[in-house]
């Protein structure tokens, strides 16, 4: 199947608006959000959303990017980043435990981020879960969508 945003173009605008909103994250929150979104994509197994290039352009190193999957055993991540990664895992693996997002996870991330940044983290992780599930379900191929589907969507939505 084509990307659902191409099949139903009306869905693309709100998704893009949400993506732009997430771009409001700055500083530590932006870096933590980027890592959390990458971890979400790793957990779900979405090749489309494992965008290492964007993280590298934002200053991430190969060493840190390669260590995201083992962040608990790595000293490369700050306490706020670790809290965001823990939240990402809890929010993505909702059915793995009786208490999907334990108070300890929530309290730790809330300790490191003010409410607006915390809201952006929750929205970002949720959005990445949505993108991942759409792409995995419809068997999107990472390099193909970027060129072909984007052109098709743009052609359909010219005014």
Protein backbone atom coordinates (compact mmCIF):
# COMPACT_ATOMS: atom_id res chain seq x y z
CA UNK A 1 0.00 0.00 0.00
CA UNK A 2 1.10 3.55 -0.59
CA UNK A 3 1.78 5.73 2.42
CA UNK A 4 -1.63 6.52 3.99
CA UNK A 5 -0.80 10.23 3.82
CA UNK A 6 -0.62 9.91 0.03
CA UNK A 7 -3.86 7.92 -0.18
CA UNK A 8 -5.66 10.41 2.09
CA UNK A 9 -3.87 13.73 1.52
CA UNK A 10 -6.06 15.50 4.10
CA UNK A 11 -4.21 13.53 6.77
CA UNK A 12 -0.80 14.88 5.77
CA UNK A 13 -1.34 18.50 6.81
CA UNK A 14 -2.13 17.78 10.48
CA UNK A 15 0.79 15.35 10.66
CA UNK A 16 3.13 17.96 9.22
CA UNK A 17 1.77 20.61 11.59
CA UNK A 18 2.48 18.32 14.53
CA UNK A 19 6.00 17.77 13.23
CA UNK A 20 6.53 21.53 13.03
CA UNK A 21 5.24 21.92 16.58
CA UNK A 22 7.78 19.37 17.78
CA UNK A 23 10.44 21.52 16.17
CA UNK A 24 9.79 24.06 18.93
CA UNK A 25 11.79 21.93 21.35
CA UNK A 26 15.09 23.63 22.09
CA UNK A 27 18.35 22.79 23.83
CA UNK A 28 18.36 19.75 26.12
CA UNK A 29 14.71 19.00 25.33
CA UNK A 30 15.36 18.93 21.58
CA UNK A 31 18.33 16.62 21.98
CA UNK A 32 16.45 14.31 24.35
CA UNK A 33 13.42 14.27 22.04
CA UNK A 34 15.58 13.33 19.07
CA UNK A 35 17.11 10.43 20.98
CA UNK A 36 13.73 9.29 22.33
CA UNK A 37 12.20 9.30 18.86
CA UNK A 38 15.10 7.26 17.47
CA UNK A 39 14.74 4.77 20.33
CA UNK A 40 11.03 4.45 19.60
CA UNK A 41 11.83 3.60 15.97
CA UNK A 42 14.37 1.01 17.07
CA UNK A 43 11.83 -0.66 19.36
CA UNK A 44 9.13 -0.81 16.70
CA UNK A 45 11.55 -1.69 13.92
CA UNK A 46 10.73 1.08 11.49
CA UNK A 47 13.53 1.66 9.01
CA UNK A 48 11.68 4.68 7.59
CA UNK A 49 11.96 6.55 10.89
CA UNK A 50 15.52 5.66 11.84
CA UNK A 51 16.79 8.98 10.55
CA UNK A 52 20.37 9.09 11.73
CA UNK A 53 21.23 11.90 9.31
CA UNK A 54 18.96 14.41 11.01
CA UNK A 55 20.45 13.57 14.39
CA UNK A 56 23.98 13.83 13.02
CA UNK A 57 23.22 17.21 11.46
CA UNK A 58 21.99 18.31 14.90
CA UNK A 59 25.39 17.39 16.33
CA UNK A 60 24.98 13.78 17.46
CA UNK A 61 28.05 11.58 17.21
CA UNK A 62 28.19 8.10 15.74
CA UNK A 63 29.26 6.80 19.14
CA UNK A 64 26.12 8.09 20.86
CA UNK A 65 23.81 7.07 18.02
CA UNK A 66 25.17 3.53 18.00
CA UNK A 67 24.74 3.34 21.79
CA UNK A 68 21.06 4.33 21.94
CA UNK A 69 19.92 0.71 22.00
CA UNK A 70 22.12 0.05 25.05
CA UNK A 71 21.67 3.41 26.74
CA UNK A 72 21.26 1.86 30.19
CA UNK A 73 24.76 0.37 29.98
CA UNK A 74 26.35 3.49 28.48
CA UNK A 75 27.82 6.52 30.19
CA UNK A 76 27.34 8.62 27.03
CA UNK A 77 23.92 10.00 27.94
CA UNK A 78 22.98 12.74 30.39
CA UNK A 79 20.43 12.23 33.15
CA UNK A 80 17.71 14.14 31.22
CA UNK A 81 18.42 12.08 28.08
CA UNK A 82 18.26 8.86 30.08
CA UNK A 83 14.92 9.92 31.56
CA UNK A 84 13.57 10.68 28.06
CA UNK A 85 14.80 7.33 26.73
CA UNK A 86 13.13 5.54 29.62
CA UNK A 87 9.88 7.38 28.93
CA UNK A 88 10.12 6.47 25.24
CA UNK A 89 10.52 2.79 26.07
CA UNK A 90 7.62 2.86 28.52
CA UNK A 91 5.30 4.68 26.12
CA UNK A 92 6.21 2.38 23.23
CA UNK A 93 5.94 -0.89 25.14
CA UNK A 94 2.57 -0.24 26.77
CA UNK A 95 1.49 -3.88 26.89
CA UNK A 96 4.75 -5.26 28.31
CA UNK A 97 3.83 -4.59 31.94
CA UNK A 98 0.85 -3.95 34.20
CA UNK A 99 1.98 -0.37 34.88
CA UNK A 100 3.16 0.80 31.44
CA UNK A 101 4.53 4.18 32.56
CA UNK A 102 5.48 3.75 36.21
CA UNK A 103 5.46 6.76 38.51
CA UNK A 104 9.23 6.42 38.91
CA UNK A 105 9.73 6.87 35.15
CA UNK A 106 7.33 9.79 35.03
CA UNK A 107 8.77 11.45 38.15
CA UNK A 108 12.31 11.20 36.77
CA UNK A 109 11.49 12.75 33.41
CA UNK A 110 9.32 15.44 35.07
CA UNK A 111 12.27 16.26 37.34
CA UNK A 112 14.45 17.09 34.33
CA UNK A 113 12.02 18.95 32.07
CA UNK A 114 9.60 21.84 32.58
CA UNK A 115 5.98 21.11 31.72
CA UNK A 116 6.08 22.46 28.13
CA UNK A 117 9.21 20.45 27.29
CA UNK A 118 7.67 17.39 28.94
CA UNK A 119 4.54 17.88 26.84
CA UNK A 120 6.69 18.09 23.68
CA UNK A 121 8.44 14.86 24.71
CA UNK A 122 5.13 13.04 25.19
CA UNK A 123 3.75 14.40 21.91
CA UNK A 124 6.97 13.56 20.06
CA UNK A 125 7.18 10.00 21.32
CA UNK A 126 3.48 9.50 20.58
CA UNK A 127 3.87 10.94 17.08
CA UNK A 128 6.86 8.72 16.35
CA UNK A 129 4.82 5.71 17.50
CA UNK A 130 2.12 6.74 15.02
CA UNK A 131 4.57 7.20 12.15
CA UNK A 132 6.31 3.91 12.95
CA UNK A 133 3.09 1.94 13.09
CA UNK A 134 1.83 3.43 9.81
CA UNK A 135 5.10 2.69 8.03
CA UNK A 136 5.60 -0.82 9.39
CA UNK A 137 1.98 -1.80 8.72
CA UNK A 138 2.10 -0.61 5.11
CA UNK A 139 5.63 -1.90 4.44
CA UNK A 140 7.10 1.47 3.53
CA UNK A 141 10.66 1.31 2.24
CA UNK A 142 12.85 4.07 3.64
CA UNK A 143 14.51 5.48 0.54
CA UNK A 144 11.52 4.99 -1.76
CA UNK A 145 8.98 7.10 0.12
CA UNK A 146 11.13 10.16 0.37
CA UNK A 147 11.32 10.65 -3.39
CA UNK A 148 8.32 8.96 -4.97
CA UNK A 149 5.54 9.51 -2.45
CA UNK A 150 6.54 13.08 -1.71
CA UNK A 151 6.33 13.94 -5.43
CA UNK A 152 2.97 12.21 -5.76
CA UNK A 153 1.57 13.96 -2.69
CA UNK A 154 2.80 17.34 -3.93
CA UNK A 155 1.26 16.77 -7.38
CA UNK A 156 -2.13 15.88 -5.87
CA UNK A 157 -2.13 18.91 -3.59
CA UNK A 158 -1.13 21.71 -5.93
CA UNK A 159 -3.68 24.45 -5.95
